[in-house]
Every structure is written in structure tokens, then in C-alpha cells.
């Protein structure tokens, strides 16, 4: 299987680092998968999103050992939320007002 990471061209307003996302193919369906910043394995239902400050990079990790190791690497406690909530927030923030009215 040939998985390629999605890479966005950085602009002056984008953060320097983006989430590690790959596209997988199984049963004839292509699907995005978020990878853990610590161990590199797919993050599922027990995943969390972590960040230092507003406007900074967002990291994704498994809740527990992986998120503790990631926070230790950064030398401070990071803010976090459940991955499902983070994805809902991103979806909500990308909806155009015209789409909401229709």
C-alpha cells in the first residue's frame, strides 16, 4: 500500500507544522487517517488533540502514555480536547454560511 501524507503549502498565516495525515485504501475506499505524533500509529477513538497556545501547532496523540511523552518532550503541560471534538470543531469552522442556509 502506498500511503502519502497530505502536505499543505505553508503561507505567512499558517503554522509551520501540520497534522500527520495519510490516506489509506481498504475495501476499495480511500480514507484519511490521523497518525500519533509520538508513536506514529493511527489515532482512533482514544485520540486527543493537544496545543500550546491559540494559533500554534496542534498535535495528535493517543490519550495516556503517548500524550504524556509528547508533553514531556515539550517541557510543559499542553491544552487538549478529545479528537472527535477537535474534528467537529474543524468541520464547523470550515462550513460556509451559504451551506448552513441551504
Protein backbone atom coordinates (compact mmCIF):
# COMPACT_ATOMS: atom_id res chain seq x y z
CA UNK A 1 0.00 0.00 0.00
CA UNK A 2 1.39 3.41 -0.95
CA UNK A 3 0.34 5.97 1.68
CA UNK A 4 1.17 9.61 1.06
CA UNK A 5 0.90 12.34 3.64
CA UNK A 6 -1.23 15.33 2.81
CA UNK A 7 1.03 18.37 2.66
CA UNK A 8 -0.31 21.90 2.60
CA UNK A 9 1.84 24.70 1.19
CA UNK A 10 2.63 26.99 4.12
CA UNK A 11 1.68 30.64 3.93
CA UNK A 12 2.57 33.52 6.23
CA UNK A 13 -0.57 32.85 8.28
CA UNK A 14 -0.35 29.07 8.55
CA UNK A 15 1.51 27.24 11.28
CA UNK A 16 4.83 25.67 10.40
CA UNK A 17 3.71 22.15 11.24
CA UNK A 18 0.53 20.33 10.27
CA UNK A 19 -1.06 17.11 11.48
CA UNK A 20 0.31 13.87 10.19
CA UNK A 21 -2.49 12.60 7.99
CA UNK A 22 -2.28 9.76 5.49
CA UNK A 23 -4.82 8.43 3.04
CA UNK A 24 -5.38 4.69 3.27
CA UNK A 25 -7.25 2.39 0.93
CA UNK A 26 -9.20 -0.59 2.14
CA UNK A 27 -12.10 -2.45 0.55
CA UNK A 28 -11.98 -0.04 -2.38
CA UNK A 29 -12.47 3.03 -0.18
CA UNK A 30 -9.94 5.80 0.41
CA UNK A 31 -9.99 7.24 3.94
CA UNK A 32 -7.90 9.79 5.84
CA UNK A 33 -6.16 8.56 8.98
CA UNK A 34 -4.56 10.77 11.65
CA UNK A 35 -1.26 9.45 12.99
CA UNK A 36 0.01 9.81 16.55
CA UNK A 37 2.78 12.41 16.89
CA UNK A 38 4.58 10.19 19.40
CA UNK A 39 4.34 6.57 18.20
CA UNK A 40 3.28 7.06 14.56
CA UNK A 41 0.34 4.63 14.74
CA UNK A 42 -3.21 5.59 13.70
CA UNK A 43 -5.13 7.51 16.36
CA UNK A 44 -8.63 6.19 16.94
CA UNK A 45 -11.39 6.72 19.46
CA UNK A 46 -9.00 7.35 22.36
CA UNK A 47 -7.11 10.07 20.49
CA UNK A 48 -6.70 13.64 21.64
CA UNK A 49 -5.62 16.93 20.09
CA UNK A 50 -3.02 18.97 22.02
CA UNK A 51 -1.72 22.51 21.61
CA UNK A 52 0.39 25.07 23.49
CA UNK A 53 -1.40 28.27 22.61
CA UNK A 54 -4.01 29.69 20.28
CA UNK A 55 -2.67 29.97 16.74
CA UNK A 56 0.12 27.48 17.38
CA UNK A 57 0.60 23.96 16.05
CA UNK A 58 -1.83 21.19 17.00
CA UNK A 59 -0.53 17.72 17.81
CA UNK A 60 -2.50 14.46 17.80
CA UNK A 61 -1.75 11.55 20.12
CA UNK A 62 -3.19 8.55 21.93
CA UNK A 63 -4.52 9.52 25.37
CA UNK A 64 -2.25 8.15 28.07
CA UNK A 65 1.36 7.15 27.51
CA UNK A 66 1.73 8.90 24.14
CA UNK A 67 0.27 12.25 25.23
CA UNK A 68 2.36 12.22 28.44
CA UNK A 69 5.53 11.56 26.40
CA UNK A 70 4.61 14.35 23.97
CA UNK A 71 4.03 16.81 26.82
CA UNK A 72 7.34 15.80 28.43
CA UNK A 73 9.08 16.42 25.09
CA UNK A 74 7.66 19.96 25.03
CA UNK A 75 8.57 20.52 28.68
CA UNK A 76 5.14 21.74 29.69
CA UNK A 77 1.54 20.69 30.02
CA UNK A 78 -0.40 21.19 26.81
CA UNK A 79 -4.06 22.10 26.42
CA UNK A 80 -6.11 19.25 24.97
CA UNK A 81 -9.52 18.01 23.86
CA UNK A 82 -10.93 14.74 22.57
CA UNK A 83 -10.03 14.09 18.92
CA UNK A 84 -13.72 13.71 17.99
CA UNK A 85 -14.46 17.18 19.41
CA UNK A 86 -11.42 18.65 17.60
CA UNK A 87 -12.59 17.21 14.27
CA UNK A 88 -16.14 18.51 14.88
CA UNK A 89 -14.70 21.97 15.60
CA UNK A 90 -12.65 21.90 12.38
CA UNK A 91 -15.71 20.81 10.39
CA UNK A 92 -17.82 23.53 11.97
CA UNK A 93 -15.18 26.19 11.28
CA UNK A 94 -14.97 25.27 7.59
CA UNK A 95 -18.70 25.42 6.83
CA UNK A 96 -19.64 28.33 4.60
CA UNK A 97 -22.59 30.43 5.78
CA UNK A 98 -24.37 29.70 2.47
CA UNK A 99 -24.13 25.97 3.14
CA UNK A 100 -25.80 26.44 6.53
CA UNK A 101 -28.77 28.28 4.99
CA UNK A 102 -29.46 25.69 2.30
